[in-house]
Structure formats: structure tokens, C-alpha cells
Amino acid sequence: MVPPPFLKTLSLWLAAAAAATILLSIAVSQILLGLAVGVLLLSGLPLRWPRIAIPLGLFLAWTLLSLAFSPDPANGLTQVRKMPVFLTMLTVYSSILTLGEIKVLVLSWVGVGTVTAGLGIFQFVRKWAQAIAQHRDFYDFYIDQRITGFQSHWMTFSGQELFLLLMLVAFLLFGPNLRKNAWICLPCALVIGTVLILSFTRGVIGAAVIAGLYLLWTWKRSSVLAMPVLLLIVFFAAPPSLKLKQRVTSLWAPQKKTDSNEHRFIVWRTGWEMIKAHPVFGVGPEEISKDQVFQAYLPKDIPRPLPPGDYLHLHSIYIHYAAERGIPAALFLTGALLMALLDFQRALRTLPPGRSDRRFLLQWASASVIGTMVVGITDLNLGLSPELTMFLVVMCLGYWACHDPVAAPEPLLY
């Protein structure tokens, strides 16, 4: 029996909707993802996975092994329940076949992402007004209750906005029909860039700078000189009451009661002790979140009480996954990131010179890998469904552009 043709279209729209709604609601996105998988299986479309699925699949398989050797497997089942998020690769890579279909997803992210950024700016203004009304120092008031958009945490929110900002910058530098599309992309990039600065998330802002330098270097090498000029303008033009300068200087001169520098060093040292004790399978999924487990590996020379901070995870994908699931798991994940970056760079070298949709997608995907790896030094970004979903979608689009697809005649944005 031949499946009805509308199922192929429905599969595409559900996959795009699941990707777009991750900016608004995890629950809605995952419901749509489940529907997308079901419709895809009924649609008759060939089931395809991007090449990055191989090391990511090994990462998931090692997670299950770590769970089997965990002292409390039931506690780690939370990580098993998160695994269906990786089906995002199957739905997006199998359903999206042409540039016109990619346009649907890209435009939805531009629109929804700009709205979420606008909400973040509104939240910032409201918090600023609240601090003034309560006669509080804004930095002390804001640092523990930063803007979150529609997300539950500022790190998740800023991590998502990073993918969107890199998308818009990559299109402005490498995408086709710039004159026609700049009026859409440039204002949206300014709004998203502004909310990223206002988020005060140093790791994500640093990742945006590094990934942005990559994009500028590959576009026109002399243009990288504009980055330090722009950063200096933002630094010195920011109103003193914004406390942006204080957030920047906290990198080397932190306030112990408000800044997270010291607490991150503590969790990294504790993670290293876990890795030394359990190098193959780690301490077990979700075991680090137990206070008694963390305290058991906390180095004895660290003064008590511990400084304020979140001690439920190790604030680094490299250290956390090695400590929680074993060194092989961390190597599989890191290998996936490096493999994707090399694949995208290899594909870029095959393109003819000049702007094109494929160049835009490959440069966006490359910058996203770089940004993800940088953020991952100080945050468990790929351990959270909202950021992981967006990362997997971008990887699918990058791998789509790695090959010689059946391209639609229209550009992605017009």
C-alpha cells in the first residue's frame, strides 16, 4: 500500500514545528517530535541519519553501559528518558529534502528567536526597574535572577540565542541575495546580540566572540580587526548602572559572593577525582547530583563551607561526562564535535567561490560547533534538551549541505 502523499508534507511540518517550538516549550517540542517520528515512519520517506549520529550513538551506548555499572541504575533512568531527543536528527534529516524546505525552518527560527529575544530585553528592563525601586545594587540583584526568555534558566536561554545569532551573522556574510534580505537579518541580529549581552552569561558571550571571529576570518581576514573595536565600544558605551564592566572584570576579579569562578574550579577538581577513581564507566548517570557522592570526592584541602553555586553538575561537558559516564563517553562526544567540524570544513573546500545557500549553512554549522565546544568548557550545554535540540538541527542542516542535494531554485530567505 502506497502511503498518502500528504504524510511527507506533514512529516516536514512536524519536524520543523518541533525544532521551532523548542524556543518556547520543551513539552510542546517533544510532543511534536513524537508525532513527527510517527508520521515519518508512515510516510514512506527513506530514513536517514547524518554522519555525526555514529559517534553520538556510541556516546548513548556507553551511557547505557555506565548505567548498567552504576550503583543506583534507577536514579540514572532520567538520562535514558532524555535519549529520544536524539531522534531530532532522524526527523529533520529524513524530512527536509530541499532548500525551500530548509527555508521554512530557518524563517521560523528567525521569527520566534527574535520574539524570545524581545521578551528577554523586556525582562531585563523590568528587573532593572525593580532593582532601582528596591534601592538595590543592580549587579547583586540581577546576577542570580537573570533574563530567561521562555526558558527556565539564563544559560539555556543564552545558549539558544547563540545559535540564532550565528545563523544570522553567517547569512549576512555568506548567504545569497544580501541586499534583499539584510533588512530582515540585520535588525534581528541586533536584537539577539543585544539580549545576549544583557544575559551576562560570560561563557556564551565568549563563545559568540570566538565563533564570530571564525566567521569574520573566513569571510575577510582583515575584518577580524573590527571585533576588538566593537567590543571596546560596547564596553565603554554601556551605562555605569548597567554593571556590564563589572561583569567583564569579574573574569579576573570576581566577587566571591556573586560570581561563579571559584565554585567552578571546585567542581572541576572534584570531577577530576571522580575520573581518577572511575575512568571507564564513571560514577554513574545522575550520581553527581547526589550530595553524598559529590562530598565523597571533594578534595580535602578545599575550605568549607563551599562558596555559593550549583553543585548538581560539573559545569563542563568534557569533565562532567568523563566523571559521570567514563572517559570513553567524553571522547565519543568530543569526537562527534570534531568530526562534524572537519566534515563541514572539507565540504566548504569543494564549493565554488562566492555567496551561496550551501556556504551559509556550512559556515553556520561550523561556527555552531565552535561555539558549542567553547560554551561546553564552562557549562553542561549539551546536557539540556533545548540547546541539544537546536544543536542537532543545525548539524542536520550542515550535513545536508555537505552533499550535492536536489536544490530548489529559490534562496533560503527572500
Protein backbone atom coordinates (compact mmCIF):
# COMPACT_ATOMS: atom_id res chain seq x y z
CA MET A 1 0.00 0.00 0.00
CA VAL A 2 1.40 3.41 -1.04
CA PRO A 3 1.36 5.96 1.82
CA PRO A 4 -0.73 9.11 1.18
CA PRO A 5 1.46 11.94 -0.23
CA PHE A 6 0.32 14.39 2.44
CA LEU A 7 2.19 12.38 5.08
CA LYS A 8 5.51 13.52 3.60
CA THR A 9 4.46 17.16 3.91
CA LEU A 10 3.09 16.58 7.40
CA SER A 11 6.37 14.94 8.43
CA LEU A 12 8.25 18.04 7.27
CA TRP A 13 5.95 20.46 9.09
CA LEU A 14 6.00 18.47 12.31
CA ALA A 15 9.81 18.23 12.25
CA ALA A 16 10.07 22.00 11.63
CA ALA A 17 7.48 22.75 14.32
CA ALA A 18 9.29 20.59 16.87
CA ALA A 19 12.51 22.49 16.12
CA ALA A 20 10.86 25.92 16.25
CA THR A 21 8.86 25.36 19.43
CA ILE A 22 11.94 24.31 21.40
CA LEU A 23 12.48 28.07 21.77
CA LEU A 24 9.14 28.27 23.59
CA SER A 25 8.39 25.00 25.39
CA ILE A 26 10.24 21.72 25.89
CA ALA A 27 6.98 19.81 26.41
CA VAL A 28 5.35 21.08 23.21
CA SER A 29 8.51 20.47 21.20
CA GLN A 30 8.83 16.89 22.43
CA ILE A 31 5.16 16.12 21.75
CA LEU A 32 5.63 17.40 18.19
CA LEU A 33 8.84 15.38 17.89
CA GLY A 34 6.99 12.21 18.86
CA LEU A 35 4.30 12.95 16.27
CA ALA A 36 6.99 13.71 13.67
CA VAL A 37 8.64 10.34 14.26
CA GLY A 38 5.32 8.52 13.95
CA VAL A 39 4.31 10.29 10.75
CA LEU A 40 7.81 9.83 9.28
CA LEU A 41 7.59 6.08 9.80
CA LEU A 42 4.25 6.04 7.98
CA SER A 43 5.22 8.46 5.21
CA GLY A 44 7.38 6.15 3.14
CA LEU A 45 10.29 8.60 3.21
CA PRO A 46 13.72 6.94 3.42
CA LEU A 47 15.04 7.01 6.99
CA ARG A 48 18.33 8.89 7.02
CA TRP A 49 20.81 9.90 9.71
CA PRO A 50 23.64 12.44 9.44
CA ARG A 51 27.15 11.06 9.88
CA ILE A 52 27.51 12.65 13.32
CA ALA A 53 24.92 10.11 14.52
CA ILE A 54 27.66 7.44 14.59
CA PRO A 55 29.79 8.89 17.44
CA LEU A 56 26.67 10.24 19.15
CA GLY A 57 25.17 6.76 19.02
CA LEU A 58 28.35 5.39 20.62
CA PHE A 59 28.04 8.08 23.30
CA LEU A 60 24.49 6.92 24.06
CA ALA A 61 25.52 3.27 24.04
CA TRP A 62 28.30 3.98 26.54
CA THR A 63 25.80 5.88 28.66
CA LEU A 64 23.74 2.69 28.89
CA LEU A 65 26.84 0.72 29.85
CA SER A 66 27.65 3.27 32.53
CA LEU A 67 24.09 2.96 33.79
CA ALA A 68 24.43 -0.82 33.98
CA PHE A 69 27.52 -0.47 36.19
CA SER A 70 26.05 2.37 38.26
CA PRO A 71 25.48 1.81 41.98
CA ASP A 72 21.96 3.23 41.53
CA PRO A 73 20.67 2.49 37.98
CA ALA A 74 17.12 3.57 38.78
CA ASN A 75 18.32 7.07 39.62
CA GLY A 76 20.00 7.34 36.20
CA LEU A 77 16.91 6.49 34.17
CA THR A 78 16.34 10.22 33.76
CA GLN A 79 19.14 10.21 31.22
CA VAL A 80 17.51 7.34 29.31
CA ARG A 81 14.29 9.32 29.10
CA LYS A 82 16.23 12.18 27.50
CA MET A 83 17.61 9.99 24.72
CA PRO A 84 14.57 10.36 22.39
CA VAL A 85 15.71 13.96 21.81
CA PHE A 86 18.37 12.49 19.51
CA LEU A 87 15.54 11.36 17.20
CA THR A 88 15.53 15.01 16.13
CA MET A 89 18.31 14.01 13.75
CA LEU A 90 16.15 11.32 12.16
CA THR A 91 13.09 13.52 11.65
CA VAL A 92 14.91 16.60 10.35
CA TYR A 93 17.45 14.81 8.14
CA SER A 94 14.83 12.48 6.65
CA SER A 95 12.04 15.05 6.18
CA ILE A 96 13.92 18.07 4.85
CA LEU A 97 14.97 17.43 1.27
CA THR A 98 15.22 20.82 -0.50
CA LEU A 99 16.38 24.37 0.12
CA GLY A 100 12.79 25.55 0.06
CA GLU A 101 12.02 23.24 2.97
CA ILE A 102 15.06 24.43 4.90
CA LYS A 103 13.74 27.96 4.39
CA VAL A 104 10.65 27.04 6.43
CA LEU A 105 12.78 26.09 9.42
CA VAL A 106 15.23 28.99 9.12
CA LEU A 107 12.47 31.59 8.86
CA SER A 108 10.62 30.10 11.83
CA TRP A 109 13.77 30.34 13.93
CA VAL A 110 14.36 33.94 12.83
CA GLY A 111 10.82 34.93 13.77
CA VAL A 112 10.42 33.00 17.02
CA GLY A 113 14.01 33.72 18.08
CA THR A 114 13.58 37.47 17.66
CA VAL A 115 10.38 37.36 19.71
CA THR A 116 12.12 35.47 22.53
CA ALA A 117 14.98 37.96 22.42
CA GLY A 118 12.50 40.84 22.62
CA LEU A 119 10.94 39.19 25.68
CA GLY A 120 14.40 38.91 27.21
CA ILE A 121 15.02 42.64 26.73
CA PHE A 122 11.66 43.41 28.34
CA GLN A 123 12.56 41.16 31.29
CA PHE A 124 15.89 42.96 31.68
CA VAL A 125 14.26 46.41 31.75
CA ARG A 126 11.75 45.19 34.34
CA LYS A 127 14.49 43.76 36.56
CA TRP A 128 16.49 46.96 36.24
CA ALA A 129 13.43 48.95 37.36
CA GLN A 130 12.85 46.55 40.25
CA ALA A 131 16.43 46.98 41.48
CA ILE A 132 16.06 50.77 41.37
CA ALA A 133 12.71 50.64 43.19
CA GLN A 134 14.21 48.47 45.94
CA HIS A 135 17.38 50.61 46.19
CA ARG A 136 19.48 47.53 45.47
CA ASP A 137 22.81 47.30 43.73
CA PHE A 138 21.80 46.10 40.26
CA TYR A 139 24.66 43.60 39.89
CA ASP A 140 23.91 41.86 43.19
CA PHE A 141 20.18 41.94 42.44
CA TYR A 142 20.44 40.65 38.87
CA ILE A 143 23.19 38.04 38.85
CA ASP A 144 21.06 35.31 40.46
CA GLN A 145 17.85 36.11 38.56
CA ARG A 146 18.90 36.92 35.02
CA ILE A 147 16.69 37.00 31.95
CA THR A 148 15.42 33.64 30.72
CA GLY A 149 13.02 34.36 27.84
CA PHE A 150 10.67 31.36 27.70
CA GLN A 151 13.28 29.06 29.26
CA SER A 152 13.81 28.07 32.88
CA HIS A 153 17.43 29.24 33.13
CA TRP A 154 19.52 32.05 31.69
CA MET A 155 22.25 29.70 30.46
CA THR A 156 19.73 27.73 28.38
CA PHE A 157 18.21 30.94 27.02
CA SER A 158 21.54 32.48 26.06
CA GLY A 159 22.76 29.18 24.59
CA GLN A 160 19.77 29.11 22.24
CA GLU A 161 20.22 32.74 21.27
CA LEU A 162 23.85 31.95 20.40
CA PHE A 163 22.74 29.52 17.66
CA LEU A 164 20.34 32.14 16.29
CA LEU A 165 22.91 34.93 16.29
CA LEU A 166 25.46 32.76 14.49
CA MET A 167 22.80 31.84 11.93
CA LEU A 168 22.07 35.48 11.13
CA VAL A 169 25.72 36.55 11.04
CA ALA A 170 26.60 33.60 8.81
CA PHE A 171 23.80 34.53 6.42
CA LEU A 172 24.86 38.19 6.32
CA LEU A 173 28.44 37.18 5.48
CA PHE A 174 27.88 34.16 3.21
CA GLY A 175 24.23 33.89 2.18
CA PRO A 176 22.81 34.87 -1.23
CA ASN A 177 20.72 37.93 -2.12
CA LEU A 178 22.13 40.04 0.72
CA ARG A 179 20.58 43.31 -0.43
CA LYS A 180 17.14 41.74 -0.46
CA ASN A 181 17.50 40.05 2.93
CA ALA A 182 19.63 42.44 5.00
CA TRP A 183 16.57 44.40 6.15
CA ILE A 184 15.32 41.21 7.84
CA CYS A 185 18.56 39.74 9.13
CA LEU A 186 20.36 42.82 10.43
CA PRO A 187 17.67 44.11 12.84
CA CYS A 188 17.04 40.59 14.13
CA ALA A 189 20.79 40.07 14.67
CA LEU A 190 20.99 43.35 16.60
CA VAL A 191 18.09 42.38 18.86
CA ILE A 192 19.50 38.91 19.54
CA GLY A 193 23.04 40.24 20.01
CA THR A 194 21.75 42.81 22.50
CA VAL A 195 19.88 40.23 24.58
CA LEU A 196 22.96 38.00 24.58
CA ILE A 197 24.99 40.82 26.15
CA LEU A 198 22.22 41.57 28.64
CA SER A 199 22.15 37.92 29.70
CA PHE A 200 25.54 38.43 31.44
CA THR A 201 26.48 34.82 30.57
CA ARG A 202 30.22 35.16 30.13
CA GLY A 203 30.79 31.70 28.67
CA VAL A 204 28.18 32.16 25.93
CA ILE A 205 29.29 35.71 25.15
CA GLY A 206 32.87 34.47 24.89
CA ALA A 207 31.73 31.68 22.58
CA ALA A 208 29.89 34.23 20.42
CA VAL A 209 33.10 36.27 20.15
CA ILE A 210 35.27 33.27 19.23
CA ALA A 211 32.76 31.81 16.75
CA GLY A 212 32.21 35.32 15.36
CA LEU A 213 35.95 35.73 14.84
CA TYR A 214 35.93 32.45 12.91
CA LEU A 215 33.16 33.73 10.64
CA LEU A 216 34.89 37.05 10.06
CA TRP A 217 38.25 35.36 9.39
CA THR A 218 36.80 33.03 6.79
CA TRP A 219 34.81 35.89 5.19
CA LYS A 220 37.56 38.52 5.01
CA ARG A 221 40.59 38.16 7.22
CA SER A 222 41.14 41.87 7.74
CA SER A 223 37.59 42.16 9.12
CA VAL A 224 38.62 40.46 12.39
CA LEU A 225 40.07 43.81 13.41
CA ALA A 226 36.51 45.06 13.73
CA MET A 227 35.77 42.66 16.60
CA PRO A 228 38.01 44.26 19.28
CA VAL A 229 36.80 47.71 18.19
CA LEU A 230 33.17 46.62 18.58
CA LEU A 231 33.86 45.05 21.99
CA LEU A 232 35.58 48.22 23.22
CA ILE A 233 32.68 50.37 22.04
CA VAL A 234 30.18 48.17 23.88
CA PHE A 235 32.37 48.09 26.99
CA PHE A 236 32.89 51.84 27.29
CA ALA A 237 29.50 52.96 25.95
CA ALA A 238 27.49 50.84 28.39
CA PRO A 239 25.86 52.95 31.15
CA PRO A 240 27.63 52.52 34.52
CA SER A 241 24.35 51.46 36.13
CA LEU A 242 24.20 48.51 33.72
CA LYS A 243 27.23 47.00 35.51
CA LEU A 244 28.46 45.45 32.26
CA LYS A 245 32.03 46.49 33.04
CA GLN A 246 31.81 44.76 36.41
CA ARG A 247 30.62 41.56 34.72
CA VAL A 248 33.58 41.64 32.34
CA THR A 249 36.14 42.34 35.06
CA SER A 250 34.67 39.51 37.15
CA LEU A 251 36.59 37.15 34.87
CA TRP A 252 39.81 38.06 36.69
CA ALA A 253 38.48 39.93 39.74
CA PRO A 254 35.35 38.09 40.89
CA GLN A 255 33.18 38.93 43.85
CA LYS A 256 33.10 35.68 45.79
CA LYS A 257 29.52 36.06 46.94
CA THR A 258 28.09 36.67 43.47
CA ASP A 259 30.46 35.36 40.77
CA SER A 260 30.85 31.67 39.98
CA ASN A 261 34.58 31.46 39.26
CA GLU A 262 35.67 29.79 42.50
CA HIS A 263 32.77 27.33 42.59
CA ARG A 264 33.55 26.17 39.03
CA PHE A 265 37.15 25.41 39.94
CA ILE A 266 35.88 23.37 42.87
CA VAL A 267 33.52 21.22 40.79
CA TRP A 268 36.22 20.69 38.14
CA ARG A 269 38.70 19.49 40.76
CA THR A 270 36.06 17.22 42.25
CA GLY A 271 35.28 15.86 38.80
CA TRP A 272 38.94 15.06 38.25
CA GLU A 273 38.93 12.99 41.44
CA MET A 274 35.91 11.08 40.13
CA ILE A 275 37.63 10.46 36.80
CA LYS A 276 40.74 9.12 38.51
CA ALA A 277 38.65 6.79 40.63
CA HIS A 278 36.28 5.61 37.85
CA PRO A 279 37.93 6.22 34.44
CA VAL A 280 35.94 3.65 32.41
CA PHE A 281 32.27 3.90 33.43
CA GLY A 282 32.30 6.93 35.72
CA VAL A 283 30.36 7.23 38.96
CA GLY A 284 27.08 6.60 37.09
CA PRO A 285 24.44 8.77 35.37
CA GLU A 286 22.86 11.32 37.72
CA GLU A 287 25.06 10.20 40.64
CA ILE A 288 26.94 13.51 40.71
CA SER A 289 23.74 15.31 41.67
CA LYS A 290 23.70 13.41 44.97
CA ASP A 291 25.32 15.49 47.68
CA GLN A 292 26.85 12.46 49.41
CA VAL A 293 28.54 11.38 46.17
CA PHE A 294 29.89 14.86 45.48
CA GLN A 295 31.15 15.23 49.03
CA ALA A 296 32.90 11.83 48.83
CA TYR A 297 35.18 13.08 46.03
CA LEU A 298 35.53 16.70 47.14
CA PRO A 299 39.25 17.36 47.73
CA LYS A 300 40.02 17.69 51.43
CA ASP A 301 42.08 20.86 51.01
CA ILE A 302 39.06 22.86 49.79
CA PRO A 303 37.75 25.09 52.63
CA ARG A 304 34.24 24.55 53.96
CA PRO A 305 31.58 25.87 53.70
CA LEU A 306 31.66 25.91 49.92
CA PRO A 307 31.04 29.18 48.07
CA PRO A 308 27.56 29.75 46.58
CA GLY A 309 26.89 27.91 43.33
CA ASP A 310 25.19 24.96 41.66
CA TYR A 311 26.87 21.70 42.68
CA LEU A 312 24.40 19.37 40.93
CA HIS A 313 26.68 19.01 37.90
CA LEU A 314 30.28 19.79 36.95
CA HIS A 315 29.76 22.76 34.59
CA SER A 316 31.72 21.28 31.68
CA ILE A 317 30.66 18.67 29.13
CA TYR A 318 34.22 17.35 28.99
CA ILE A 319 34.72 16.90 32.73
CA HIS A 320 31.13 16.04 33.62
CA TYR A 321 30.62 13.22 31.12
CA ALA A 322 34.06 11.76 31.81
CA ALA A 323 33.30 11.75 35.54
CA GLU A 324 29.69 10.63 35.24
CA ARG A 325 29.90 8.08 32.38
CA GLY A 326 33.59 7.43 31.88
CA ILE A 327 36.36 8.78 29.67
CA PRO A 328 35.11 6.86 26.58
CA ALA A 329 31.77 8.69 26.75
CA ALA A 330 33.51 12.07 26.84
CA LEU A 331 35.75 11.02 23.94
CA PHE A 332 32.77 9.91 21.82
CA LEU A 333 31.03 13.24 22.39
CA THR A 334 34.15 15.30 21.71
CA GLY A 335 34.88 13.15 18.67
CA ALA A 336 31.39 13.87 17.33
CA LEU A 337 32.02 17.62 17.57
CA LEU A 338 35.43 17.42 15.93
CA MET A 339 34.22 15.07 13.19
CA ALA A 340 31.33 17.38 12.29
CA LEU A 341 33.63 20.40 12.13
CA LEU A 342 36.10 18.56 9.87
CA ASP A 343 33.27 17.32 7.62
CA PHE A 344 31.90 20.84 7.23
CA GLN A 345 35.33 22.30 6.51
CA ARG A 346 36.01 19.58 3.94
CA ALA A 347 32.71 20.33 2.20
CA LEU A 348 33.44 24.08 2.19
CA ARG A 349 36.62 23.48 0.22
CA THR A 350 34.59 21.85 -2.58
CA LEU A 351 32.31 24.86 -3.11
CA PRO A 352 32.83 27.38 -5.90
CA PRO A 353 33.76 30.88 -4.67
CA GLY A 354 31.04 33.37 -3.82
CA ARG A 355 27.91 33.51 -1.74
CA SER A 356 25.53 30.56 -1.73
CA ASP A 357 22.99 28.78 0.42
CA ARG A 358 25.30 25.81 0.97
CA ARG A 359 28.17 28.07 2.05
CA PHE A 360 25.87 29.81 4.53
CA LEU A 361 24.67 26.50 6.01
CA LEU A 362 28.17 25.04 6.28
CA GLN A 363 29.63 28.18 7.86
CA TRP A 364 26.73 28.43 10.29
CA ALA A 365 27.15 24.77 11.25
CA SER A 366 30.93 25.20 11.65
CA ALA A 367 30.52 28.28 13.84
CA SER A 368 27.87 26.46 15.88
CA VAL A 369 30.25 23.57 16.58
CA ILE A 370 32.95 26.03 17.64
CA GLY A 371 30.51 27.93 19.85
CA THR A 372 29.19 24.71 21.38
CA MET A 373 32.69 23.48 22.18
CA VAL A 374 33.62 26.79 23.81
CA VAL A 375 30.44 27.01 25.90
CA GLY A 376 30.94 23.36 26.86
CA ILE A 377 34.14 24.26 28.69
CA THR A 378 32.15 26.02 31.43
CA ASP A 379 28.61 24.68 31.03
CA LEU A 380 26.73 21.41 30.53
CA ASN A 381 25.07 22.84 27.41
CA LEU A 382 24.56 19.56 25.52
CA GLY A 383 23.03 18.01 28.61
CA LEU A 384 19.96 20.22 28.29
CA SER A 385 17.20 19.40 25.81
CA PRO A 386 16.59 22.95 24.49
CA GLU A 387 20.22 23.54 23.49
CA LEU A 388 20.76 19.93 22.41
CA THR A 389 17.72 20.03 20.11
CA MET A 390 18.92 23.17 18.36
CA PHE A 391 22.44 21.78 18.05
CA LEU A 392 21.17 18.57 16.44
CA VAL A 393 19.02 20.51 13.96
CA VAL A 394 21.96 22.70 12.92
CA MET A 395 24.11 19.61 12.48
CA CYS A 396 21.47 18.07 10.19
CA LEU A 397 21.38 21.21 8.05
CA GLY A 398 25.18 21.27 7.91
CA TYR A 399 25.32 17.65 6.77
CA TRP A 400 22.55 18.31 4.24
CA ALA A 401 24.83 20.98 2.74
CA CYS A 402 27.82 18.61 2.76
CA HIS A 403 26.35 16.66 -0.13
CA ASP A 404 25.07 17.63 -3.56
CA PRO A 405 21.35 17.84 -2.79
CA VAL A 406 18.44 18.37 -5.13
CA ALA A 407 18.30 22.13 -4.68
CA ALA A 408 15.24 24.30 -5.14
CA PRO A 409 15.77 27.37 -7.36
CA GLU A 410 14.73 29.89 -4.72
CA PRO A 411 17.12 31.16 -2.00
CA LEU A 412 16.55 30.38 1.66
CA LEU A 413 15.42 33.89 2.56
CA TYR A 414 13.68 36.27 0.21
